[in-house]
N, C-alpha and C. Protein backbone atom coordinates (compact mmCIF):
# COMPACT_ATOMS: atom_id res chain seq x y z
N SER A 1 100.20 -22.13 0.11
CA SER A 1 99.75 -23.51 0.08
C SER A 1 98.54 -23.68 1.00
N MET A 2 97.90 -24.84 0.88
CA MET A 2 96.71 -25.11 1.68
C MET A 2 97.04 -25.16 3.17
N GLY A 3 98.24 -25.67 3.56
CA GLY A 3 98.63 -25.73 4.96
C GLY A 3 98.71 -24.35 5.59
N ILE A 4 99.29 -23.41 4.86
CA ILE A 4 99.38 -22.04 5.35
C ILE A 4 97.99 -21.44 5.49
N PHE A 5 97.12 -21.70 4.50
CA PHE A 5 95.75 -21.20 4.55
C PHE A 5 95.04 -21.68 5.81
N TYR A 6 95.14 -22.98 6.09
CA TYR A 6 94.47 -23.53 7.26
C TYR A 6 95.06 -22.99 8.56
N SER A 7 96.41 -22.85 8.63
CA SER A 7 97.00 -22.37 9.86
C SER A 7 96.62 -20.91 10.11
N VAL A 8 96.50 -20.10 9.05
CA VAL A 8 96.07 -18.72 9.21
C VAL A 8 94.59 -18.66 9.57
N LEU A 9 93.79 -19.47 8.88
CA LEU A 9 92.35 -19.45 9.09
C LEU A 9 91.96 -19.99 10.47
N PHE A 10 92.58 -21.10 10.88
CA PHE A 10 92.16 -21.76 12.10
C PHE A 10 93.13 -21.59 13.27
N GLY A 11 94.29 -21.04 13.02
CA GLY A 11 95.25 -20.80 14.10
C GLY A 11 95.63 -22.09 14.80
N ASN A 12 95.56 -22.10 16.10
CA ASN A 12 96.00 -23.25 16.91
C ASN A 12 94.84 -24.07 17.42
N GLU A 13 93.70 -23.97 16.75
CA GLU A 13 92.53 -24.70 17.22
C GLU A 13 92.74 -26.21 17.25
N ASP A 14 93.65 -26.70 16.40
CA ASP A 14 93.85 -28.15 16.34
C ASP A 14 94.84 -28.63 17.41
N LYS A 15 95.49 -27.73 18.11
CA LYS A 15 96.43 -28.13 19.15
C LYS A 15 95.68 -28.39 20.45
N LYS A 16 96.00 -29.52 21.06
CA LYS A 16 95.40 -29.83 22.36
C LYS A 16 96.01 -28.94 23.43
N GLN A 17 95.19 -28.53 24.36
CA GLN A 17 95.65 -27.71 25.47
C GLN A 17 95.74 -28.57 26.72
N PHE A 18 96.86 -28.44 27.41
CA PHE A 18 97.08 -29.16 28.65
C PHE A 18 97.15 -28.16 29.79
N ARG A 19 96.53 -28.50 30.90
CA ARG A 19 96.48 -27.61 32.06
C ARG A 19 97.60 -28.00 33.03
N LEU A 20 98.49 -27.04 33.30
CA LEU A 20 99.58 -27.22 34.24
C LEU A 20 99.33 -26.29 35.42
N CYS A 21 99.22 -26.86 36.61
CA CYS A 21 99.07 -26.06 37.83
C CYS A 21 100.41 -26.05 38.55
N ILE A 22 100.84 -24.85 38.93
CA ILE A 22 102.11 -24.67 39.62
C ILE A 22 101.80 -24.28 41.05
N LEU A 23 102.13 -25.18 41.97
CA LEU A 23 101.81 -25.01 43.39
C LEU A 23 103.08 -24.95 44.23
N GLY A 24 102.92 -24.50 45.44
CA GLY A 24 104.01 -24.44 46.41
C GLY A 24 103.71 -23.35 47.41
N LEU A 25 104.38 -23.40 48.54
CA LEU A 25 104.17 -22.38 49.56
C LEU A 25 104.58 -21.02 49.02
N ALA A 26 104.15 -19.96 49.68
CA ALA A 26 104.53 -18.60 49.29
C ALA A 26 106.06 -18.48 49.25
N SER A 27 106.55 -17.80 48.25
CA SER A 27 107.99 -17.53 48.07
C SER A 27 108.81 -18.78 47.77
N SER A 28 108.18 -19.80 47.19
CA SER A 28 108.93 -21.01 46.82
C SER A 28 109.56 -20.89 45.44
N GLY A 29 109.23 -19.83 44.70
CA GLY A 29 109.86 -19.61 43.39
C GLY A 29 108.97 -19.89 42.20
N LYS A 30 107.67 -20.01 42.41
CA LYS A 30 106.74 -20.35 41.32
C LYS A 30 106.73 -19.29 40.21
N SER A 31 106.53 -18.04 40.58
CA SER A 31 106.44 -16.98 39.58
C SER A 31 107.78 -16.71 38.91
N THR A 32 108.86 -16.81 39.66
CA THR A 32 110.19 -16.62 39.07
C THR A 32 110.46 -17.69 38.03
N LEU A 33 110.10 -18.93 38.32
CA LEU A 33 110.27 -20.02 37.37
C LEU A 33 109.39 -19.81 36.14
N THR A 34 108.14 -19.44 36.35
CA THR A 34 107.23 -19.20 35.23
C THR A 34 107.77 -18.10 34.33
N ASN A 35 108.23 -17.01 34.93
CA ASN A 35 108.79 -15.91 34.14
C ASN A 35 110.05 -16.33 33.39
N LYS A 36 110.89 -17.14 34.01
CA LYS A 36 112.10 -17.62 33.34
C LYS A 36 111.73 -18.45 32.12
N ILE A 37 110.70 -19.28 32.24
CA ILE A 37 110.29 -20.13 31.12
C ILE A 37 109.63 -19.30 30.02
N ILE A 38 108.71 -18.44 30.37
CA ILE A 38 107.95 -17.68 29.38
C ILE A 38 108.77 -16.54 28.78
N LEU A 39 109.45 -15.77 29.61
CA LEU A 39 110.16 -14.57 29.15
C LEU A 39 111.65 -14.79 28.95
N ASN A 40 112.15 -15.92 29.45
CA ASN A 40 113.58 -16.22 29.44
C ASN A 40 114.39 -15.12 30.12
N GLU A 41 113.83 -14.58 31.18
CA GLU A 41 114.57 -13.61 31.98
C GLU A 41 114.20 -13.77 33.44
N ILE A 42 115.06 -13.25 34.27
CA ILE A 42 114.84 -13.33 35.72
C ILE A 42 114.04 -12.11 36.13
N VAL A 43 112.86 -12.35 36.64
CA VAL A 43 112.00 -11.27 37.12
C VAL A 43 111.71 -11.58 38.59
N PHE A 44 112.24 -10.74 39.46
CA PHE A 44 111.97 -10.94 40.88
C PHE A 44 110.58 -10.39 41.18
N THR A 45 109.80 -11.16 41.88
CA THR A 45 108.40 -10.80 42.10
C THR A 45 108.07 -10.84 43.59
N VAL A 46 106.92 -10.32 43.90
CA VAL A 46 106.37 -10.47 45.24
C VAL A 46 105.47 -11.70 45.20
N PRO A 47 105.16 -12.31 46.34
CA PRO A 47 104.29 -13.49 46.31
C PRO A 47 102.97 -13.22 45.57
N THR A 48 102.58 -14.19 44.76
CA THR A 48 101.36 -14.07 43.96
C THR A 48 100.14 -14.03 44.87
N ILE A 49 99.31 -13.04 44.65
CA ILE A 49 98.05 -12.94 45.37
C ILE A 49 96.98 -13.40 44.37
N GLY A 50 96.50 -14.60 44.55
CA GLY A 50 95.54 -15.15 43.60
C GLY A 50 96.22 -16.12 42.65
N MET A 51 96.10 -15.82 41.35
CA MET A 51 96.61 -16.75 40.35
C MET A 51 97.05 -15.97 39.12
N ASP A 52 98.15 -16.40 38.51
CA ASP A 52 98.60 -15.85 37.23
C ASP A 52 98.42 -16.93 36.17
N TYR A 53 98.02 -16.51 34.99
CA TYR A 53 97.79 -17.44 33.88
C TYR A 53 98.73 -17.08 32.73
N ARG A 54 99.38 -18.10 32.18
CA ARG A 54 100.25 -17.92 31.01
C ARG A 54 100.02 -19.09 30.07
N ARG A 55 100.29 -18.84 28.78
CA ARG A 55 100.22 -19.90 27.77
C ARG A 55 101.60 -20.09 27.16
N LEU A 56 102.00 -21.33 27.06
CA LEU A 56 103.28 -21.67 26.45
C LEU A 56 102.97 -22.54 25.24
N GLU A 57 103.25 -22.01 24.07
CA GLU A 57 102.96 -22.74 22.84
C GLU A 57 104.14 -23.65 22.52
N MET A 58 103.83 -24.93 22.41
CA MET A 58 104.82 -25.94 22.07
C MET A 58 104.51 -26.41 20.64
N PRO A 59 105.44 -27.13 20.00
CA PRO A 59 105.18 -27.53 18.61
C PRO A 59 103.90 -28.33 18.41
N ARG A 60 103.54 -29.21 19.36
CA ARG A 60 102.37 -30.08 19.15
C ARG A 60 101.21 -29.82 20.10
N PHE A 61 101.39 -28.91 21.05
CA PHE A 61 100.33 -28.66 22.03
C PHE A 61 100.54 -27.30 22.67
N ILE A 62 99.56 -26.89 23.45
CA ILE A 62 99.65 -25.64 24.20
C ILE A 62 99.58 -25.98 25.68
N LEU A 63 100.50 -25.40 26.44
CA LEU A 63 100.53 -25.62 27.88
C LEU A 63 99.93 -24.39 28.55
N GLU A 64 98.79 -24.58 29.19
CA GLU A 64 98.16 -23.51 29.95
C GLU A 64 98.73 -23.58 31.37
N MET A 65 99.45 -22.53 31.77
CA MET A 65 100.16 -22.53 33.04
C MET A 65 99.42 -21.67 34.06
N PHE A 66 99.04 -22.28 35.17
CA PHE A 66 98.35 -21.58 36.25
C PHE A 66 99.29 -21.53 37.44
N ASP A 67 99.85 -20.35 37.70
CA ASP A 67 100.74 -20.10 38.83
C ASP A 67 99.84 -19.66 39.98
N ILE A 68 99.64 -20.54 40.94
CA ILE A 68 98.65 -20.32 42.00
C ILE A 68 99.36 -19.94 43.30
N GLY A 69 98.93 -18.83 43.90
CA GLY A 69 99.53 -18.33 45.14
C GLY A 69 99.55 -19.38 46.24
N GLY A 70 100.56 -19.28 47.11
CA GLY A 70 100.75 -20.30 48.15
C GLY A 70 100.48 -19.84 49.56
N GLN A 71 99.88 -18.66 49.73
CA GLN A 71 99.57 -18.20 51.09
C GLN A 71 98.48 -19.09 51.69
N ASP A 72 98.41 -19.10 53.02
CA ASP A 72 97.44 -19.94 53.74
C ASP A 72 96.03 -19.81 53.18
N ARG A 73 95.56 -18.59 53.03
CA ARG A 73 94.17 -18.38 52.62
C ARG A 73 93.91 -18.84 51.17
N LEU A 74 94.94 -18.89 50.34
CA LEU A 74 94.76 -19.34 48.95
C LEU A 74 94.82 -20.85 48.81
N ARG A 75 95.49 -21.51 49.75
CA ARG A 75 95.62 -22.97 49.66
C ARG A 75 94.28 -23.68 49.74
N ALA A 76 93.30 -23.05 50.35
CA ALA A 76 91.96 -23.65 50.42
C ALA A 76 91.36 -23.78 49.03
N LEU A 77 91.83 -22.98 48.08
CA LEU A 77 91.32 -23.02 46.70
C LEU A 77 92.04 -24.05 45.83
N TRP A 78 93.19 -24.54 46.29
CA TRP A 78 93.98 -25.45 45.47
C TRP A 78 93.18 -26.66 44.95
N PRO A 79 92.39 -27.35 45.78
CA PRO A 79 91.67 -28.51 45.25
C PRO A 79 90.76 -28.16 44.07
N ALA A 80 90.05 -27.06 44.16
CA ALA A 80 89.16 -26.66 43.06
C ALA A 80 89.94 -26.28 41.82
N LEU A 81 91.10 -25.65 42.02
CA LEU A 81 91.90 -25.19 40.88
C LEU A 81 92.70 -26.30 40.22
N THR A 82 93.01 -27.35 40.97
CA THR A 82 93.81 -28.45 40.41
C THR A 82 92.94 -29.61 39.92
N TYR A 83 91.65 -29.53 40.14
CA TYR A 83 90.75 -30.64 39.82
C TYR A 83 90.89 -31.11 38.37
N ARG A 84 91.05 -30.20 37.43
CA ARG A 84 91.13 -30.57 36.01
C ARG A 84 92.55 -30.49 35.46
N ALA A 85 93.54 -30.52 36.34
CA ALA A 85 94.93 -30.42 35.91
C ALA A 85 95.38 -31.70 35.21
N ASP A 86 96.24 -31.52 34.22
CA ASP A 86 96.90 -32.65 33.57
C ASP A 86 98.25 -32.93 34.23
N ILE A 87 98.90 -31.84 34.64
CA ILE A 87 100.22 -31.92 35.26
C ILE A 87 100.26 -30.93 36.41
N ILE A 88 100.93 -31.31 37.49
CA ILE A 88 101.15 -30.38 38.60
C ILE A 88 102.65 -30.32 38.86
N TRP A 89 103.16 -29.10 38.91
CA TRP A 89 104.51 -28.87 39.40
C TRP A 89 104.35 -28.36 40.83
N TYR A 90 104.96 -29.03 41.78
CA TYR A 90 104.91 -28.59 43.17
C TYR A 90 106.31 -28.15 43.57
N LEU A 91 106.48 -26.85 43.83
CA LEU A 91 107.78 -26.31 44.17
C LEU A 91 108.01 -26.32 45.67
N ILE A 92 109.21 -26.74 46.04
CA ILE A 92 109.66 -26.72 47.43
C ILE A 92 110.95 -25.91 47.46
N ASP A 93 111.00 -24.92 48.32
CA ASP A 93 112.19 -24.07 48.45
C ASP A 93 113.31 -24.89 49.09
N ALA A 94 114.25 -25.35 48.26
CA ALA A 94 115.34 -26.19 48.75
C ALA A 94 116.35 -25.41 49.57
N SER A 95 116.29 -24.08 49.51
CA SER A 95 117.23 -23.27 50.28
C SER A 95 116.75 -23.03 51.71
N ASP A 96 115.56 -23.55 52.04
CA ASP A 96 114.99 -23.39 53.38
C ASP A 96 114.75 -24.77 53.99
N PRO A 97 115.84 -25.44 54.44
CA PRO A 97 115.68 -26.79 54.98
C PRO A 97 114.67 -26.88 56.12
N GLY A 98 114.50 -25.81 56.89
CA GLY A 98 113.55 -25.82 57.99
C GLY A 98 112.10 -25.82 57.54
N GLY A 99 111.83 -25.34 56.34
CA GLY A 99 110.46 -25.27 55.83
C GLY A 99 110.06 -26.45 54.96
N ILE A 100 111.00 -27.35 54.71
CA ILE A 100 110.71 -28.47 53.79
C ILE A 100 109.66 -29.40 54.37
N ASN A 101 109.72 -29.71 55.65
CA ASN A 101 108.73 -30.62 56.24
C ASN A 101 107.32 -30.05 56.14
N GLU A 102 107.16 -28.76 56.41
CA GLU A 102 105.83 -28.13 56.28
C GLU A 102 105.36 -28.21 54.83
N SER A 103 106.26 -27.94 53.90
CA SER A 103 105.90 -27.98 52.49
C SER A 103 105.50 -29.39 52.06
N ILE A 104 106.22 -30.38 52.56
CA ILE A 104 105.88 -31.77 52.24
C ILE A 104 104.49 -32.11 52.79
N GLN A 105 104.21 -31.72 54.03
CA GLN A 105 102.90 -32.02 54.63
C GLN A 105 101.77 -31.39 53.82
N ILE A 106 101.95 -30.15 53.40
CA ILE A 106 100.91 -29.48 52.62
C ILE A 106 100.79 -30.12 51.24
N MET A 107 101.92 -30.53 50.67
CA MET A 107 101.89 -31.23 49.38
C MET A 107 101.08 -32.52 49.51
N LEU A 108 101.31 -33.28 50.57
CA LEU A 108 100.58 -34.53 50.75
C LEU A 108 99.08 -34.29 50.94
N GLN A 109 98.73 -33.27 51.73
CA GLN A 109 97.31 -32.94 51.93
C GLN A 109 96.64 -32.56 50.61
N THR A 110 97.39 -31.88 49.76
CA THR A 110 96.83 -31.38 48.50
C THR A 110 96.78 -32.44 47.42
N LEU A 111 97.83 -33.23 47.30
CA LEU A 111 97.95 -34.14 46.16
C LEU A 111 97.47 -35.56 46.42
N CYS A 112 97.29 -35.94 47.67
CA CYS A 112 96.84 -37.30 47.98
C CYS A 112 95.32 -37.35 48.05
N VAL A 113 94.69 -36.96 46.97
CA VAL A 113 93.23 -37.01 46.88
C VAL A 113 92.86 -37.82 45.65
N GLU A 114 91.78 -38.54 45.76
CA GLU A 114 91.35 -39.44 44.70
C GLU A 114 91.15 -38.74 43.36
N GLU A 115 90.65 -37.51 43.40
CA GLU A 115 90.34 -36.79 42.16
C GLU A 115 91.57 -36.52 41.30
N LEU A 116 92.75 -36.55 41.89
CA LEU A 116 93.98 -36.27 41.14
C LEU A 116 94.72 -37.54 40.76
N GLY A 117 94.04 -38.67 40.78
CA GLY A 117 94.68 -39.96 40.55
C GLY A 117 95.51 -40.07 39.29
N SER A 118 95.10 -39.47 38.19
CA SER A 118 95.82 -39.66 36.94
C SER A 118 96.71 -38.49 36.56
N VAL A 119 96.76 -37.46 37.38
CA VAL A 119 97.58 -36.30 37.06
C VAL A 119 99.07 -36.65 37.23
N CYS A 120 99.92 -36.07 36.40
CA CYS A 120 101.36 -36.26 36.51
C CYS A 120 101.91 -35.23 37.50
N ILE A 121 102.75 -35.68 38.42
CA ILE A 121 103.28 -34.81 39.47
C ILE A 121 104.78 -34.65 39.30
N CYS A 122 105.23 -33.41 39.33
CA CYS A 122 106.66 -33.14 39.33
C CYS A 122 106.97 -32.29 40.56
N VAL A 123 107.75 -32.84 41.47
CA VAL A 123 108.18 -32.10 42.66
C VAL A 123 109.47 -31.40 42.28
N LEU A 124 109.47 -30.08 42.44
CA LEU A 124 110.63 -29.28 42.04
C LEU A 124 111.31 -28.70 43.27
N LEU A 125 112.56 -29.06 43.45
CA LEU A 125 113.37 -28.45 44.50
C LEU A 125 113.93 -27.17 43.88
N SER A 126 113.38 -26.03 44.29
CA SER A 126 113.77 -24.77 43.68
C SER A 126 114.86 -24.06 44.48
N LYS A 127 115.44 -23.07 43.86
CA LYS A 127 116.49 -22.23 44.47
C LYS A 127 117.72 -23.05 44.81
N THR A 128 118.01 -24.04 43.97
CA THR A 128 119.15 -24.92 44.23
C THR A 128 120.49 -24.24 43.97
N ASP A 129 120.46 -23.02 43.45
CA ASP A 129 121.70 -22.26 43.26
C ASP A 129 122.20 -21.65 44.57
N LEU A 130 121.37 -21.61 45.59
CA LEU A 130 121.75 -20.99 46.85
C LEU A 130 122.53 -21.97 47.72
N PRO A 131 123.53 -21.46 48.46
CA PRO A 131 124.34 -22.34 49.32
C PRO A 131 123.48 -23.03 50.39
N GLY A 132 123.82 -24.27 50.65
CA GLY A 132 123.12 -25.02 51.69
C GLY A 132 121.79 -25.60 51.25
N SER A 133 121.47 -25.49 49.96
CA SER A 133 120.20 -26.05 49.46
C SER A 133 120.18 -27.56 49.57
N VAL A 134 119.01 -28.08 49.84
CA VAL A 134 118.82 -29.53 49.91
C VAL A 134 118.90 -30.10 48.49
N THR A 135 119.65 -31.17 48.33
CA THR A 135 119.79 -31.81 47.02
C THR A 135 118.68 -32.85 46.82
N LYS A 136 118.58 -33.33 45.61
CA LYS A 136 117.59 -34.37 45.29
C LYS A 136 117.84 -35.62 46.15
N ASP A 137 119.11 -35.99 46.32
CA ASP A 137 119.43 -37.17 47.13
C ASP A 137 119.05 -36.97 48.60
N GLN A 138 119.34 -35.78 49.14
CA GLN A 138 118.96 -35.49 50.52
C GLN A 138 117.44 -35.50 50.68
N PHE A 139 116.76 -34.93 49.69
CA PHE A 139 115.29 -34.91 49.73
C PHE A 139 114.74 -36.33 49.70
N SER A 140 115.32 -37.17 48.86
CA SER A 140 114.86 -38.56 48.76
C SER A 140 115.02 -39.32 50.06
N ASN A 141 116.00 -38.93 50.88
CA ASN A 141 116.16 -39.54 52.20
C ASN A 141 115.10 -39.06 53.19
N MET A 142 114.52 -37.87 52.92
CA MET A 142 113.50 -37.29 53.80
C MET A 142 112.09 -37.73 53.41
N PHE A 143 111.91 -38.01 52.13
CA PHE A 143 110.56 -38.22 51.61
C PHE A 143 110.60 -39.21 50.44
N SER A 144 109.66 -40.12 50.42
CA SER A 144 109.56 -41.09 49.33
C SER A 144 108.41 -40.69 48.40
N LEU A 145 108.68 -40.65 47.11
CA LEU A 145 107.62 -40.35 46.15
C LEU A 145 106.52 -41.40 46.18
N ASP A 146 106.81 -42.56 46.74
CA ASP A 146 105.78 -43.59 46.85
C ASP A 146 104.61 -43.14 47.72
N SER A 147 104.83 -42.10 48.52
CA SER A 147 103.74 -41.56 49.35
C SER A 147 102.66 -40.89 48.51
N LEU A 148 103.00 -40.54 47.27
CA LEU A 148 102.01 -39.92 46.38
C LEU A 148 101.35 -41.02 45.55
N PRO A 149 100.02 -41.00 45.46
CA PRO A 149 99.32 -42.08 44.77
C PRO A 149 99.42 -42.03 43.25
N GLN A 150 99.84 -40.93 42.68
CA GLN A 150 99.89 -40.80 41.23
C GLN A 150 100.91 -41.77 40.63
N HIS A 151 100.62 -42.22 39.41
CA HIS A 151 101.51 -43.16 38.74
C HIS A 151 102.77 -42.49 38.21
N GLN A 152 102.60 -41.29 37.65
CA GLN A 152 103.73 -40.61 37.04
C GLN A 152 104.17 -39.46 37.93
N LYS A 153 105.35 -39.61 38.52
CA LYS A 153 105.87 -38.60 39.43
C LYS A 153 107.39 -38.62 39.38
N ILE A 154 107.97 -37.45 39.61
CA ILE A 154 109.42 -37.31 39.51
C ILE A 154 109.85 -36.11 40.34
N VAL A 155 111.14 -36.06 40.68
CA VAL A 155 111.71 -34.92 41.40
C VAL A 155 112.82 -34.33 40.54
N TYR A 156 112.85 -33.01 40.44
CA TYR A 156 113.93 -32.30 39.75
C TYR A 156 114.46 -31.20 40.64
N GLU A 157 115.73 -30.91 40.50
CA GLU A 157 116.33 -29.72 41.09
C GLU A 157 116.29 -28.64 40.01
N VAL A 158 115.83 -27.44 40.36
CA VAL A 158 115.79 -26.34 39.39
C VAL A 158 116.30 -25.05 40.03
N SER A 159 116.82 -24.21 39.17
CA SER A 159 117.21 -22.86 39.57
C SER A 159 116.76 -21.90 38.49
N SER A 160 115.90 -20.98 38.84
CA SER A 160 115.45 -19.98 37.88
C SER A 160 116.56 -18.97 37.59
N ILE A 161 117.52 -18.83 38.49
CA ILE A 161 118.62 -17.89 38.32
C ILE A 161 119.63 -18.43 37.31
N THR A 162 120.08 -19.68 37.50
CA THR A 162 121.09 -20.25 36.61
C THR A 162 120.45 -20.98 35.42
N GLY A 163 119.17 -21.32 35.53
CA GLY A 163 118.51 -22.09 34.48
C GLY A 163 118.71 -23.59 34.63
N ASN A 164 119.48 -24.00 35.63
CA ASN A 164 119.75 -25.42 35.85
C ASN A 164 118.45 -26.20 36.05
N GLY A 165 118.31 -27.30 35.33
CA GLY A 165 117.17 -28.20 35.49
C GLY A 165 115.93 -27.82 34.70
N ILE A 166 115.85 -26.62 34.16
CA ILE A 166 114.62 -26.18 33.49
C ILE A 166 114.41 -26.93 32.18
N LYS A 167 115.46 -27.14 31.41
CA LYS A 167 115.31 -27.89 30.16
C LYS A 167 114.83 -29.31 30.43
N SER A 168 115.41 -29.97 31.44
CA SER A 168 114.97 -31.32 31.80
C SER A 168 113.51 -31.33 32.24
N LEU A 169 113.12 -30.32 33.00
CA LEU A 169 111.73 -30.20 33.45
C LEU A 169 110.79 -30.05 32.26
N LEU A 170 111.13 -29.17 31.33
CA LEU A 170 110.27 -28.96 30.15
C LEU A 170 110.25 -30.19 29.25
N ASP A 171 111.39 -30.89 29.13
CA ASP A 171 111.43 -32.13 28.36
C ASP A 171 110.49 -33.17 28.97
N TRP A 172 110.56 -33.34 30.30
CA TRP A 172 109.69 -34.30 30.98
C TRP A 172 108.22 -33.93 30.77
N THR A 173 107.90 -32.65 30.94
CA THR A 173 106.53 -32.17 30.77
C THR A 173 106.05 -32.41 29.35
N SER A 174 106.90 -32.11 28.37
CA SER A 174 106.54 -32.33 26.97
C SER A 174 106.30 -33.80 26.68
N ARG A 175 107.15 -34.67 27.22
CA ARG A 175 106.95 -36.12 27.00
C ARG A 175 105.62 -36.58 27.58
N ARG A 176 105.24 -36.06 28.75
CA ARG A 176 103.94 -36.43 29.34
C ARG A 176 102.81 -35.99 28.42
N CYS A 177 102.88 -34.78 27.90
CA CYS A 177 101.81 -34.26 27.04
C CYS A 177 101.76 -35.01 25.71
N VAL A 178 102.91 -35.24 25.09
CA VAL A 178 102.93 -35.95 23.81
C VAL A 178 102.44 -37.38 23.99
N SER A 179 102.80 -38.00 25.11
CA SER A 179 102.30 -39.35 25.41
C SER A 179 100.78 -39.34 25.50
N GLU A 180 100.24 -38.35 26.17
CA GLU A 180 98.79 -38.21 26.31
C GLU A 180 98.14 -37.93 24.96
N LEU A 181 98.81 -37.14 24.13
CA LEU A 181 98.28 -36.86 22.79
C LEU A 181 98.10 -38.15 22.01
N GLY A 182 99.13 -39.01 22.08
CA GLY A 182 99.05 -40.28 21.36
C GLY A 182 97.90 -41.13 21.83
N SER A 183 97.74 -41.26 23.15
CA SER A 183 96.67 -42.11 23.65
C SER A 183 95.30 -41.48 23.39
N THR A 184 95.21 -40.15 23.46
CA THR A 184 93.94 -39.48 23.19
C THR A 184 93.59 -39.60 21.71
N TYR A 185 94.59 -39.37 20.86
CA TYR A 185 94.36 -39.40 19.42
C TYR A 185 93.92 -40.78 18.97
N PHE A 186 94.71 -41.80 19.35
CA PHE A 186 94.37 -43.14 18.93
C PHE A 186 93.13 -43.68 19.62
N GLY A 187 92.88 -43.18 20.84
CA GLY A 187 91.70 -43.61 21.57
C GLY A 187 90.41 -43.28 20.81
N ARG A 188 90.43 -42.19 20.04
CA ARG A 188 89.26 -41.80 19.27
C ARG A 188 88.92 -42.86 18.20
N PHE A 189 89.94 -43.59 17.77
CA PHE A 189 89.72 -44.57 16.72
C PHE A 189 89.72 -45.99 17.23
N GLY A 190 89.66 -46.14 18.57
CA GLY A 190 89.58 -47.47 19.15
C GLY A 190 90.92 -48.17 19.30
N PHE A 191 92.03 -47.43 19.17
CA PHE A 191 93.35 -48.05 19.28
C PHE A 191 94.01 -47.85 20.63
N GLY A 192 93.48 -46.95 21.47
CA GLY A 192 94.18 -46.64 22.73
C GLY A 192 93.34 -47.02 23.85
């Protein structure tokens, strides 16, 4: 049929691509989460030196995933790398209660900039499968999302080991992208 012809001829050119930047301090679980989503397996990694790029094809769009290293020297690059982001996932190691304040401070320095005003922010409490991990409620007592200037922001608990929270995270991300697709699509015709 003609639909098959066009999909073979043009591939995914008609799908909008959304840029997702995955940030967090070193060893917060960024690469493990990315591997769980892309490969559906647990791959233990060493801290990312630089940046890893992956593509996740969704039914209506493509998610370009940039897993950006969290070491001190790489954080200076975060503003340039997140400048054109549509969505940012910021991972905080919930199993390290002593490091949460530092992670929050760095998150605020990175995300409270005018250039990121319209980006959607998802704060992810990672490694929630480990004993003594900070819960979403405990985190909410330590930090208010109102401190972030972005309009669309949320907190999720996730575990790359058990898979807990990943479906909800991907559902939220998909809804943000599909919502943007609608406004972008109709905006071309003067409706959005």
